[in-house]
Structures are given as C-alpha cells and as structure tokens.
PDB file of N, CA and C in Angstrom:
ATOM      1  N   MET A   1     -18.660  13.098  54.244  1.00  0.00           N
ATOM      2  CA  MET A   1     -19.334  14.566  54.561  1.00  0.00           C
ATOM      3  C   MET A   1     -19.273  15.000  53.275  1.00  0.00           C
ATOM      4  N   LYS A   2     -20.549  15.239  52.796  1.00  0.00           N
ATOM      5  CA  LYS A   2     -20.631  16.235  51.500  1.00  0.00           C
ATOM      6  C   LYS A   2     -20.959  17.355  51.493  1.00  0.00           C
ATOM      7  N   ASN A   3     -20.119  18.381  50.634  1.00  0.00           N
ATOM      8  CA  ASN A   3     -20.446  20.067  50.816  1.00  0.00           C
ATOM      9  C   ASN A   3     -21.384  20.325  50.025  1.00  0.00           C
ATOM     10  N   ILE A   4     -22.842  20.895  50.210  1.00  0.00           N
ATOM     11  CA  ILE A   4     -23.232  21.335  49.442  1.00  0.00           C
ATOM     12  C   ILE A   4     -23.664  22.888  49.350  1.00  0.00           C
ATOM     13  N   LEU A   5     -23.802  23.412  47.725  1.00  0.00           N
ATOM     14  CA  LEU A   5     -23.771  24.716  48.006  1.00  0.00           C
ATOM     15  C   LEU A   5     -25.256  25.247  47.007  1.00  0.00           C
ATOM     16  N   PHE A   6     -26.028  26.067  47.347  1.00  0.00           N
ATOM     17  CA  PHE A   6     -27.062  26.373  47.024  1.00  0.00           C
ATOM     18  C   PHE A   6     -26.813  27.806  46.463  1.00  0.00           C
ATOM     19  N   VAL A   7     -27.326  28.251  45.126  1.00  0.00           N
ATOM     20  CA  VAL A   7     -26.918  29.312  44.675  1.00  0.00           C
ATOM     21  C   VAL A   7     -28.241  29.799  44.125  1.00  0.00           C
ATOM     22  N   CYS A   8     -28.432  31.381  44.321  1.00  0.00           N
ATOM     23  CA  CYS A   8     -29.686  32.483  43.489  1.00  0.00           C
ATOM     24  C   CYS A   8     -28.816  33.435  43.368  1.00  0.00           C
ATOM     25  N   SER A   9     -29.734  34.610  42.945  1.00  0.00           N
ATOM     26  CA  SER A   9     -29.268  35.856  42.555  1.00  0.00           C
ATOM     27  C   SER A   9     -28.637  36.799  43.732  1.00  0.00           C
ATOM     28  N   ARG A  10     -29.617  36.800  44.753  1.00  0.00           N
ATOM     29  CA  ARG A  10     -29.224  37.766  45.873  1.00  0.00           C
ATOM     30  C   ARG A  10     -28.685  37.079  47.200  1.00  0.00           C
ATOM     31  N   ASN A  11     -28.921  35.804  47.208  1.00  0.00           N
ATOM     32  CA  ASN A  11     -29.002  35.208  48.479  1.00  0.00           C
ATOM     33  C   ASN A  11     -29.878  35.677  49.983  1.00  0.00           C
ATOM     34  N   GLN A  12     -31.209  36.063  49.201  1.00  0.00           N
ATOM     35  CA  GLN A  12     -32.388  36.495  50.240  1.00  0.00           C
ATOM     36  C   GLN A  12     -33.292  35.426  50.371  1.00  0.00           C
ATOM     37  N   LEU A  13     -33.485  34.673  49.368  1.00  0.00           N
ATOM     38  CA  LEU A  13     -35.141  33.782  49.351  1.00  0.00           C
ATOM     39  C   LEU A  13     -34.654  32.744  49.147  1.00  0.00           C
ATOM     40  N   ARG A  14     -34.240  32.469  48.170  1.00  0.00           N
ATOM     41  CA  ARG A  14     -34.594  30.718  47.717  1.00  0.00           C
ATOM     42  C   ARG A  14     -33.561  29.985  48.358  1.00  0.00           C
ATOM     43  N   SER A  15     -31.872  30.630  47.925  1.00  0.00           N
ATOM     44  CA  SER A  15     -30.843  29.900  48.555  1.00  0.00           C
ATOM     45  C   SER A  15     -30.754  29.619  50.059  1.00  0.00           C
ATOM     46  N   PRO A  16     -31.144  30.567  50.593  1.00  0.00           N
ATOM     47  CA  PRO A  16     -31.110  30.862  52.363  1.00  0.00           C
ATOM     48  C   PRO A  16     -32.323  29.710  52.876  1.00  0.00           C
ATOM     49  N   THR A  17     -33.617  29.602  52.127  1.00  0.00           N
ATOM     50  CA  THR A  17     -34.377  28.873  52.316  1.00  0.00           C
ATOM     51  C   THR A  17     -33.920  27.276  52.312  1.00  0.00           C
ATOM     52  N   ALA A  18     -33.112  27.321  50.993  1.00  0.00           N
ATOM     53  CA  ALA A  18     -32.755  25.580  50.907  1.00  0.00           C
ATOM     54  C   ALA A  18     -31.593  25.400  51.922  1.00  0.00           C
ATOM     55  N   GLU A  19     -31.010  26.352  52.368  1.00  0.00           N
ATOM     56  CA  GLU A  19     -29.772  26.140  53.386  1.00  0.00           C
ATOM     57  C   GLU A  19     -30.697  25.924  54.548  1.00  0.00           C
ATOM     58  N   GLN A  20     -31.408  26.616  54.964  1.00  0.00           N
ATOM     59  CA  GLN A  20     -32.494  26.340  56.287  1.00  0.00           C
ATOM     60  C   GLN A  20     -33.071  24.773  56.239  1.00  0.00           C
ATOM     61  N   VAL A  21     -33.535  24.289  55.127  1.00  0.00           N
ATOM     62  CA  VAL A  21     -34.338  23.099  54.803  1.00  0.00           C
ATOM     63  C   VAL A  21     -33.392  21.834  55.015  1.00  0.00           C
ATOM     64  N   PHE A  22     -32.121  21.977  54.206  1.00  0.00           N
ATOM     65  CA  PHE A  22     -31.184  20.951  54.707  1.00  0.00           C
ATOM     66  C   PHE A  22     -30.472  21.043  55.690  1.00  0.00           C
ATOM     67  N   SER A  23     -29.964  22.038  56.251  1.00  0.00           N
ATOM     68  CA  SER A  23     -28.672  22.019  57.278  1.00  0.00           C
ATOM     69  C   SER A  23     -29.088  20.972  58.511  1.00  0.00           C
ATOM     70  N   HIS A  24     -30.086  20.241  58.601  1.00  0.00           N
ATOM     71  CA  HIS A  24     -30.166  18.980  59.334  1.00  0.00           C
ATOM     72  C   HIS A  24     -29.659  17.936  59.062  1.00  0.00           C
ATOM     73  N   TRP A  25     -29.902  17.955  57.771  1.00  0.00           N
ATOM     74  CA  TRP A  25     -29.657  16.517  56.923  1.00  0.00           C
ATOM     75  C   TRP A  25     -28.501  15.550  57.702  1.00  0.00           C
ATOM     76  N   PRO A  26     -28.361  14.716  58.007  1.00  0.00           N
ATOM     77  CA  PRO A  26     -27.347  13.959  58.179  1.00  0.00           C
ATOM     78  C   PRO A  26     -26.036  13.420  56.935  1.00  0.00           C
ATOM     79  N   ASP A  27     -24.882  14.036  57.364  1.00  0.00           N
ATOM     80  CA  ASP A  27     -23.242  13.754  56.431  1.00  0.00           C
ATOM     81  C   ASP A  27     -23.484  14.375  55.102  1.00  0.00           C
ATOM     82  N   ILE A  28     -24.290  16.080  55.478  1.00  0.00           N
ATOM     83  CA  ILE A  28     -24.188  17.047  54.612  1.00  0.00           C
ATOM     84  C   ILE A  28     -23.711  18.461  55.080  1.00  0.00           C
ATOM     85  N   GLU A  29     -22.837  19.033  54.749  1.00  0.00           N
ATOM     86  CA  GLU A  29     -22.510  20.473  55.306  1.00  0.00           C
ATOM     87  C   GLU A  29     -23.356  21.184  54.158  1.00  0.00           C
ATOM     88  N   VAL A  30     -24.115  22.389  54.270  1.00  0.00           N
ATOM     89  CA  VAL A  30     -24.649  23.271  53.585  1.00  0.00           C
ATOM     90  C   VAL A  30     -24.627  24.582  53.827  1.00  0.00           C
ATOM     91  N   LEU A  31     -24.012  25.244  52.222  1.00  0.00           N
ATOM     92  CA  LEU A  31     -24.135  26.753  52.516  1.00  0.00           C
ATOM     93  C   LEU A  31     -24.974  27.293  51.501  1.00  0.00           C
ATOM     94  N   SER A  32     -25.240  28.920  51.451  1.00  0.00           N
ATOM     95  CA  SER A  32     -25.939  29.479  50.577  1.00  0.00           C
ATOM     96  C   SER A  32     -24.977  30.494  49.744  1.00  0.00           C
ATOM     97  N   ALA A  33     -25.264  31.367  48.787  1.00  0.00           N
ATOM     98  CA  ALA A  33     -24.289  32.648  47.907  1.00  0.00           C
ATOM     99  C   ALA A  33     -25.299  32.927  47.165  1.00  0.00           C
ATOM    100  N   GLY A  34     -25.091  33.831  46.406  1.00  0.00           N
ATOM    101  CA  GLY A  34     -25.653  34.510  45.451  1.00  0.00           C
ATOM    102  C   GLY A  34     -24.686  35.029  44.573  1.00  0.00           C
ATOM    103  N   THR A  35     -25.213  34.933  43.205  1.00  0.00           N
ATOM    104  CA  THR A  35     -23.949  35.318  42.186  1.00  0.00           C
ATOM    105  C   THR A  35     -23.996  36.703  41.751  1.00  0.00           C
ATOM    106  N   ASP A  36     -24.976  37.675  42.112  1.00  0.00           N
ATOM    107  CA  ASP A  36     -24.944  39.132  42.090  1.00  0.00           C
ATOM    108  C   ASP A  36     -24.231  39.496  43.093  1.00  0.00           C
ATOM    109  N   HIS A  37     -23.463  40.801  42.602  1.00  0.00           N
ATOM    110  CA  HIS A  37     -22.417  41.530  43.777  1.00  0.00           C
ATOM    111  C   HIS A  37     -23.032  41.718  44.823  1.00  0.00           C
ATOM    112  N   ASP A  38     -24.361  42.592  45.010  1.00  0.00           N
ATOM    113  CA  ASP A  38     -24.753  42.740  45.908  1.00  0.00           C
ATOM    114  C   ASP A  38     -25.557  42.015  46.779  1.00  0.00           C
ATOM    115  N   ALA A  39     -25.140  40.656  46.951  1.00  0.00           N
ATOM    116  CA  ALA A  39     -25.937  39.363  47.398  1.00  0.00           C
ATOM    117  C   ALA A  39     -25.296  39.251  49.010  1.00  0.00           C
ATOM    118  N   ASP A  40     -26.380  38.867  49.806  1.00  0.00           N
ATOM    119  CA  ASP A  40     -26.008  39.134  51.210  1.00  0.00           C
ATOM    120  C   ASP A  40     -24.530  38.222  51.354  1.00  0.00           C
ATOM    121  N   THR A  41     -24.571  36.981  50.423  1.00  0.00           N
ATOM    122  CA  THR A  41     -23.652  36.217  50.661  1.00  0.00           C
ATOM    123  C   THR A  41     -23.135  35.985  49.033  1.00  0.00           C
ATOM    124  N   PRO A  42     -21.981  36.880  48.513  1.00  0.00           N
ATOM    125  CA  PRO A  42     -21.686  36.467  47.302  1.00  0.00           C
ATOM    126  C   PRO A  42     -20.948  35.349  47.028  1.00  0.00           C
ATOM    127  N   LEU A  43     -21.277  34.870  45.800  1.00  0.00           N
ATOM    128  CA  LEU A  43     -20.399  33.462  45.473  1.00  0.00           C
ATOM    129  C   LEU A  43     -19.064  33.983  45.290  1.00  0.00           C
ATOM    130  N   THR A  44     -17.899  32.916  45.871  1.00  0.00           N
ATOM    131  CA  THR A  44     -16.421  33.113  45.718  1.00  0.00           C
ATOM    132  C   THR A  44     -16.024  32.065  45.275  1.00  0.00           C
ATOM    133  N   PRO A  45     -14.651  32.275  44.665  1.00  0.00           N
ATOM    134  CA  PRO A  45     -14.193  30.891  44.122  1.00  0.00           C
ATOM    135  C   PRO A  45     -13.599  30.232  45.397  1.00  0.00           C
ATOM    136  N   ASP A  46     -13.670  30.643  46.620  1.00  0.00           N
ATOM    137  CA  ASP A  46     -13.553  29.538  47.871  1.00  0.00           C
ATOM    138  C   ASP A  46     -14.659  28.761  47.969  1.00  0.00           C
ATOM    139  N   LEU A  47     -15.954  29.330  48.238  1.00  0.00           N
ATOM    140  CA  LEU A  47     -17.137  28.686  48.380  1.00  0.00           C
ATOM    141  C   LEU A  47     -17.085  27.554  47.063  1.00  0.00           C
ATOM    142  N   VAL A  48     -16.788  28.196  45.966  1.00  0.00           N
ATOM    143  CA  VAL A  48     -16.914  27.089  44.633  1.00  0.00           C
ATOM    144  C   VAL A  48     -15.970  25.962  44.805  1.00  0.00           C
ATOM    145  N   GLU A  49     -15.177  26.102  44.999  1.00  0.00           N
ATOM    146  CA  GLU A  49     -14.268  24.884  45.552  1.00  0.00           C
ATOM    147  C   GLU A  49     -14.213  23.924  46.617  1.00  0.00           C
ATOM    148  N   TRP A  50     -14.824  24.554  47.784  1.00  0.00           N
ATOM    149  CA  TRP A  50     -15.648  23.774  48.559  1.00  0.00           C
ATOM    150  C   TRP A  50     -16.838  23.090  48.077  1.00  0.00           C
ATOM    151  N   ALA A  51     -17.262  23.258  47.337  1.00  0.00           N
ATOM    152  CA  ALA A  51     -18.849  22.581  47.341  1.00  0.00           C
ATOM    153  C   ALA A  51     -18.450  21.291  46.152  1.00  0.00           C
ATOM    154  N   ASP A  52     -19.241  20.314  47.041  1.00  0.00           N
ATOM    155  CA  ASP A  52     -19.128  18.771  46.093  1.00  0.00           C
ATOM    156  C   ASP A  52     -20.202  19.023  44.757  1.00  0.00           C
ATOM    157  N   VAL A  53     -21.169  19.660  45.754  1.00  0.00           N
ATOM    158  CA  VAL A  53     -22.601  19.459  44.604  1.00  0.00           C
ATOM    159  C   VAL A  53     -23.210  20.805  45.031  1.00  0.00           C
ATOM    160  N   ILE A  54     -23.436  21.754  43.640  1.00  0.00           N
ATOM    161  CA  ILE A  54     -24.118  23.020  43.769  1.00  0.00           C
ATOM    162  C   ILE A  54     -25.439  22.967  43.298  1.00  0.00           C
ATOM    163  N   PHE A  55     -26.020  23.261  43.562  1.00  0.00           N
ATOM    164  CA  PHE A  55     -27.669  23.270  43.355  1.00  0.00           C
ATOM    165  C   PHE A  55     -27.998  25.032  42.739  1.00  0.00           C
ATOM    166  N   VAL A  56     -28.196  25.322  41.788  1.00  0.00           N
ATOM    167  CA  VAL A  56     -28.444  26.522  41.133  1.00  0.00           C
ATOM    168  C   VAL A  56     -30.024  26.915  41.015  1.00  0.00           C
ATOM    169  N   MET A  57     -30.697  27.926  41.385  1.00  0.00           N
ATOM    170  CA  MET A  57     -31.994  27.866  41.035  1.00  0.00           C
ATOM    171  C   MET A  57     -32.596  28.357  39.751  1.00  0.00           C
ATOM    172  N   GLU A  58     -31.776  28.854  38.945  1.00  0.00           N
ATOM    173  CA  GLU A  58     -31.991  28.950  37.390  1.00  0.00           C
ATOM    174  C   GLU A  58     -31.031  28.680  36.412  1.00  0.00           C
ATOM    175  N   ARG A  59     -31.019  28.580  35.195  1.00  0.00           N
ATOM    176  CA  ARG A  59     -30.096  28.555  34.317  1.00  0.00           C
ATOM    177  C   ARG A  59     -29.318  29.632  34.351  1.00  0.00           C
ATOM    178  N   LYS A  60     -29.787  30.881  34.568  1.00  0.00           N
ATOM    179  CA  LYS A  60     -28.821  31.801  34.609  1.00  0.00           C
ATOM    180  C   LYS A  60     -27.809  31.939  35.691  1.00  0.00           C
ATOM    181  N   HIS A  61     -27.889  31.080  36.748  1.00  0.00           N
ATOM    182  CA  HIS A  61     -27.159  30.848  37.997  1.00  0.00           C
ATOM    183  C   HIS A  61     -25.803  30.145  37.221  1.00  0.00           C
ATOM    184  N   ARG A  62     -26.232  29.224  36.712  1.00  0.00           N
ATOM    185  CA  ARG A  62     -25.363  28.138  36.390  1.00  0.00           C
ATOM    186  C   ARG A  62     -24.429  28.525  34.811  1.00  0.00           C
ATOM    187  N   THR A  63     -25.066  29.943  34.069  1.00  0.00           N
ATOM    188  CA  THR A  63     -23.943  30.579  33.493  1.00  0.00           C
ATOM    189  C   THR A  63     -23.094  31.675  33.844  1.00  0.00           C
ATOM    190  N   LYS A  64     -23.878  31.757  34.889  1.00  0.00           N
ATOM    191  CA  LYS A  64     -23.041  32.814  35.780  1.00  0.00           C
ATOM    192  C   LYS A  64     -21.523  32.373  36.528  1.00  0.00           C
ATOM    193  N   LEU A  65     -22.168  31.015  37.170  1.00  0.00           N
ATOM    194  CA  LEU A  65     -21.184  30.107  37.913  1.00  0.00           C
ATOM    195  C   LEU A  65     -20.184  29.733  36.766  1.00  0.00           C
ATOM    196  N   GLN A  66     -20.664  29.269  35.653  1.00  0.00           N
ATOM    197  CA  GLN A  66     -19.632  28.552  34.791  1.00  0.00           C
ATOM    198  C   GLN A  66     -18.638  29.932  33.869  1.00  0.00           C
ATOM    199  N   SER A  67     -19.121  31.003  33.994  1.00  0.00           N
ATOM    200  CA  SER A  67     -18.087  32.055  33.109  1.00  0.00           C
ATOM    201  C   SER A  67     -17.272  32.550  34.348  1.00  0.00           C
ATOM    202  N   ARG A  68     -17.976  32.671  35.416  1.00  0.00           N
ATOM    203  CA  ARG A  68     -17.102  33.762  36.381  1.00  0.00           C
ATOM    204  C   ARG A  68     -16.186  32.482  37.273  1.00  0.00           C
ATOM    205  N   PHE A  69     -16.599  31.402  37.384  1.00  0.00           N
ATOM    206  CA  PHE A  69     -15.503  30.417  38.390  1.00  0.00           C
ATOM    207  C   PHE A  69     -15.274  29.177  38.022  1.00  0.00           C
ATOM    208  N   LYS A  70     -15.276  28.821  36.536  1.00  0.00           N
ATOM    209  CA  LYS A  70     -14.885  27.546  35.994  1.00  0.00           C
ATOM    210  C   LYS A  70     -13.646  27.140  36.383  1.00  0.00           C
ATOM    211  N   PRO A  71     -12.475  27.877  36.755  1.00  0.00           N
ATOM    212  CA  PRO A  71     -11.726  27.293  37.178  1.00  0.00           C
ATOM    213  C   PRO A  71     -11.654  26.663  38.679  1.00  0.00           C
ATOM    214  N   SER A  72     -12.450  27.310  39.274  1.00  0.00           N
ATOM    215  CA  SER A  72     -12.596  26.526  40.616  1.00  0.00           C
ATOM    216  C   SER A  72     -13.949  25.501  40.721  1.00  0.00           C
ATOM    217  N   LEU A  73     -14.340  25.252  39.629  1.00  0.00           N
ATOM    218  CA  LEU A  73     -15.197  24.321  40.131  1.00  0.00           C
ATOM    219  C   LEU A  73     -15.056  22.908  39.916  1.00  0.00           C
ATOM    220  N   LYS A  74     -13.781  22.561  39.222  1.00  0.00           N
ATOM    221  CA  LYS A  74     -13.356  21.359  39.200  1.00  0.00           C
ATOM    222  C   LYS A  74     -14.103  20.092  38.931  1.00  0.00           C
ATOM    223  N   SER A  75     -14.646  19.407  40.117  1.00  0.00           N
ATOM    224  CA  SER A  75     -15.300  18.293  40.005  1.00  0.00           C
ATOM    225  C   SER A  75     -16.762  18.657  40.707  1.00  0.00           C
ATOM    226  N   ALA A  76     -17.070  19.372  41.089  1.00  0.00           N
ATOM    227  CA  ALA A  76     -18.407  19.754  41.497  1.00  0.00           C
ATOM    228  C   ALA A  76     -19.404  19.488  40.728  1.00  0.00           C
ATOM    229  N   ARG A  77     -20.545  18.670  41.101  1.00  0.00           N
ATOM    230  CA  ARG A  77     -21.300  18.402  40.388  1.00  0.00           C
ATOM    231  C   ARG A  77     -22.322  19.784  40.480  1.00  0.00           C
ATOM    232  N   VAL A  78     -22.843  20.178  39.316  1.00  0.00           N
ATOM    233  CA  VAL A  78     -23.988  21.590  39.169  1.00  0.00           C
ATOM    234  C   VAL A  78     -25.333  20.972  38.689  1.00  0.00           C
ATOM    235  N   ILE A  79     -26.443  21.348  39.677  1.00  0.00           N
ATOM    236  CA  ILE A  79     -27.767  20.556  38.966  1.00  0.00           C
ATOM    237  C   ILE A  79     -28.297  21.872  39.149  1.00  0.00           C
ATOM    238  N   CYS A  80     -29.619  22.186  38.191  1.00  0.00           N
ATOM    239  CA  CYS A  80     -30.128  23.455  38.139  1.00  0.00           C
ATOM    240  C   CYS A  80     -31.697  23.036  38.155  1.00  0.00           C
ATOM    241  N   LEU A  81     -32.131  23.561  39.334  1.00  0.00           N
ATOM    242  CA  LEU A  81     -33.509  23.325  39.953  1.00  0.00           C
ATOM    243  C   LEU A  81     -34.388  23.661  39.496  1.00  0.00           C
ATOM    244  N   ASN A  82     -34.679  24.965  38.358  1.00  0.00           N
ATOM    245  CA  ASN A  82     -35.420  25.090  37.497  1.00  0.00           C
ATOM    246  C   ASN A  82     -36.299  25.900  38.370  1.00  0.00           C
ATOM    247  N   ILE A  83     -36.010  26.835  39.601  1.00  0.00           N
ATOM    248  CA  ILE A  83     -36.962  27.368  40.459  1.00  0.00           C
ATOM    249  C   ILE A  83     -37.066  29.236  40.543  1.00  0.00           C
ATOM    250  N   PRO A  84     -38.334  29.189  40.018  1.00  0.00           N
ATOM    251  CA  PRO A  84     -38.166  30.939  39.703  1.00  0.00           C
ATOM    252  C   PRO A  84     -38.579  31.592  40.685  1.00  0.00           C
ATOM    253  N   ASP A  85     -37.988  32.904  40.657  1.00  0.00           N
ATOM    254  CA  ASP A  85     -37.774  33.955  41.671  1.00  0.00           C
ATOM    255  C   ASP A  85     -39.183  34.533  41.743  1.00  0.00           C
ATOM    256  N   LYS A  86     -40.100  33.955  42.554  1.00  0.00           N
ATOM    257  CA  LYS A  86     -41.244  33.980  43.116  1.00  0.00           C
ATOM    258  C   LYS A  86     -41.836  33.850  44.084  1.00  0.00           C
ATOM    259  N   TYR A  87     -40.624  33.532  45.316  1.00  0.00           N
ATOM    260  CA  TYR A  87     -41.200  32.812  46.522  1.00  0.00           C
ATOM    261  C   TYR A  87     -40.642  33.476  47.541  1.00  0.00           C
ATOM    262  N   GLU A  88     -41.042  33.727  48.650  1.00  0.00           N
ATOM    263  CA  GLU A  88     -40.700  34.399  49.769  1.00  0.00           C
ATOM    264  C   GLU A  88     -39.632  33.296  50.635  1.00  0.00           C
ATOM    265  N   PHE A  89     -38.908  34.154  51.641  1.00  0.00           N
ATOM    266  CA  PHE A  89     -38.054  33.268  52.413  1.00  0.00           C
ATOM    267  C   PHE A  89     -39.305  31.826  53.366  1.00  0.00           C
ATOM    268  N   MET A  90     -38.680  30.854  53.409  1.00  0.00           N
ATOM    269  CA  MET A  90     -39.717  29.680  54.047  1.00  0.00           C
ATOM    270  C   MET A  90     -40.886  29.887  53.366  1.00  0.00           C
ATOM    271  N   ASP A  91     -41.463  30.087  52.086  1.00  0.00           N
ATOM    272  CA  ASP A  91     -42.654  29.992  51.820  1.00  0.00           C
ATOM    273  C   ASP A  91     -42.782  28.365  51.689  1.00  0.00           C
ATOM    274  N   PRO A  92     -44.005  27.780  52.278  1.00  0.00           N
ATOM    275  CA  PRO A  92     -44.008  26.427  52.248  1.00  0.00           C
ATOM    276  C   PRO A  92     -44.049  25.779  50.918  1.00  0.00           C
ATOM    277  N   GLU A  93     -44.644  26.447  49.735  1.00  0.00           N
ATOM    278  CA  GLU A  93     -44.503  25.750  48.299  1.00  0.00           C
ATOM    279  C   GLU A  93     -43.114  25.823  47.962  1.00  0.00           C
ATOM    280  N   LEU A  94     -42.375  26.710  48.039  1.00  0.00           N
ATOM    281  CA  LEU A  94     -40.878  26.679  47.431  1.00  0.00           C
ATOM    282  C   LEU A  94     -40.104  25.422  48.788  1.00  0.00           C
ATOM    283  N   VAL A  95     -40.398  25.377  49.725  1.00  0.00           N
ATOM    284  CA  VAL A  95     -39.919  24.213  50.683  1.00  0.00           C
ATOM    285  C   VAL A  95     -40.379  22.834  50.162  1.00  0.00           C
ATOM    286  N   ARG A  96     -41.481  22.777  49.705  1.00  0.00           N
ATOM    287  CA  ARG A  96     -42.073  21.777  49.090  1.00  0.00           C
ATOM    288  C   ARG A  96     -41.232  21.310  47.602  1.00  0.00           C
ATOM    289  N   LEU A  97     -41.062  22.348  46.774  1.00  0.00           N
ATOM    290  CA  LEU A  97     -40.260  22.332  45.944  1.00  0.00           C
ATOM    291  C   LEU A  97     -39.109  21.662  45.709  1.00  0.00           C
ATOM    292  N   LEU A  98     -38.338  22.456  47.025  1.00  0.00           N
ATOM    293  CA  LEU A  98     -36.946  22.228  47.304  1.00  0.00           C
ATOM    294  C   LEU A  98     -36.511  20.542  47.534  1.00  0.00           C
ATOM    295  N   ASP A  99     -37.823  20.410  48.364  1.00  0.00           N
ATOM    296  CA  ASP A  99     -37.698  18.740  49.040  1.00  0.00           C
ATOM    297  C   ASP A  99     -37.833  17.629  47.750  1.00  0.00           C
ATOM    298  N   VAL A 100     -38.765  18.051  46.986  1.00  0.00           N
ATOM    299  CA  VAL A 100     -38.965  16.966  45.781  1.00  0.00           C
ATOM    300  C   VAL A 100     -37.935  17.268  45.119  1.00  0.00           C
ATOM    301  N   LYS A 101     -37.318  18.429  44.909  1.00  0.00           N
ATOM    302  CA  LYS A 101     -36.262  18.323  43.589  1.00  0.00           C
ATOM    303  C   LYS A 101     -34.658  17.946  44.127  1.00  0.00           C
ATOM    304  N   VAL A 102     -34.414  18.603  45.503  1.00  0.00           N
ATOM    305  CA  VAL A 102     -33.295  18.120  45.856  1.00  0.00           C
ATOM    306  C   VAL A 102     -33.091  16.752  46.909  1.00  0.00           C
ATOM    307  N   SER A 103     -34.159  16.639  47.534  1.00  0.00           N
ATOM    308  CA  SER A 103     -33.914  15.225  48.236  1.00  0.00           C
ATOM    309  C   SER A 103     -33.511  13.896  47.369  1.00  0.00           C
ATOM    310  N   PRO A 104     -33.550  13.938  45.974  1.00  0.00           N
ATOM    311  CA  PRO A 104     -33.055  12.557  45.346  1.00  0.00           C
ATOM    312  C   PRO A 104     -31.969  12.702  45.188  1.00  0.00           C
ATOM    313  N   HIS A 105     -31.149  13.921  45.001  1.00  0.00           N
ATOM    314  CA  HIS A 105     -30.077  13.796  44.832  1.00  0.00           C
ATOM    315  C   HIS A 105     -28.930  13.331  46.276  1.00  0.00           C
ATOM    316  N   LEU A 106     -29.425  13.875  47.345  1.00  0.00           N
ATOM    317  CA  LEU A 106     -28.660  13.751  48.789  1.00  0.00           C
ATOM    318  C   LEU A 106     -29.059  12.323  49.516  1.00  0.00           C
ATOM    319  N   ARG A 107     -30.059  11.501  48.585  1.00  0.00           N
ATOM    320  CA  ARG A 107     -29.904  10.090  48.980  1.00  0.00           C
ATOM    321  C   ARG A 107     -28.775   9.176  48.674  1.00  0.00           C
TER     322      ARG A 107
END
C-alpha cells in the first residue's frame, strides 16, 4: 500500500479534487493538504512523513514543502504537476489533467 499526498495552497479546489479522483484506486491511500496557514487541511510534518509520494500542484508548493518540511521529507518522492490555480472543485478539465499527469506515476 502506497501513501499518496496531494498538495496545493488552500486545500479547497485542486488537491481535494485529486484526493477524490484517486481515492478509489487500489493499493493506495490518498490524502490532501495545503501549504497556506489558512488551508482547510494545513500541511503538517506528520502528513509529510506519512507520504510515500507527494504531488504538488505548482513549483511554489514544492519550494514551501522543501523549506518548511525538509526533515520530514525523508524518502518521499515529490512530483510537481504544474497545474495552475484556475479550476473549480471537480472541474472536468482538472479531472482530465490529473488523470493524465498522475496516473502514470501510480501504475
């Protein structure tokens, strides 16, 4: 079982969509969090330590992750999806992008 964490800024649109989309995939556990202090689910050292793979939506999320949580990263693989903050929750185009960009890493 692999632990997959999706990260965006406020954990309201992109990363919760990703969590929803991949929550039914076999052999993975999925969570999401945000890098901002006012995120619905703020990123914590425990979440970072839990994850085997961390998908960030933008480079700025990778930068924040690496600067704030470097000791907790350990062996987690960090993958930047380059998905801009212009989609609503469960937007069909966002779902398609996530499938195209994430699925190959989970197979």
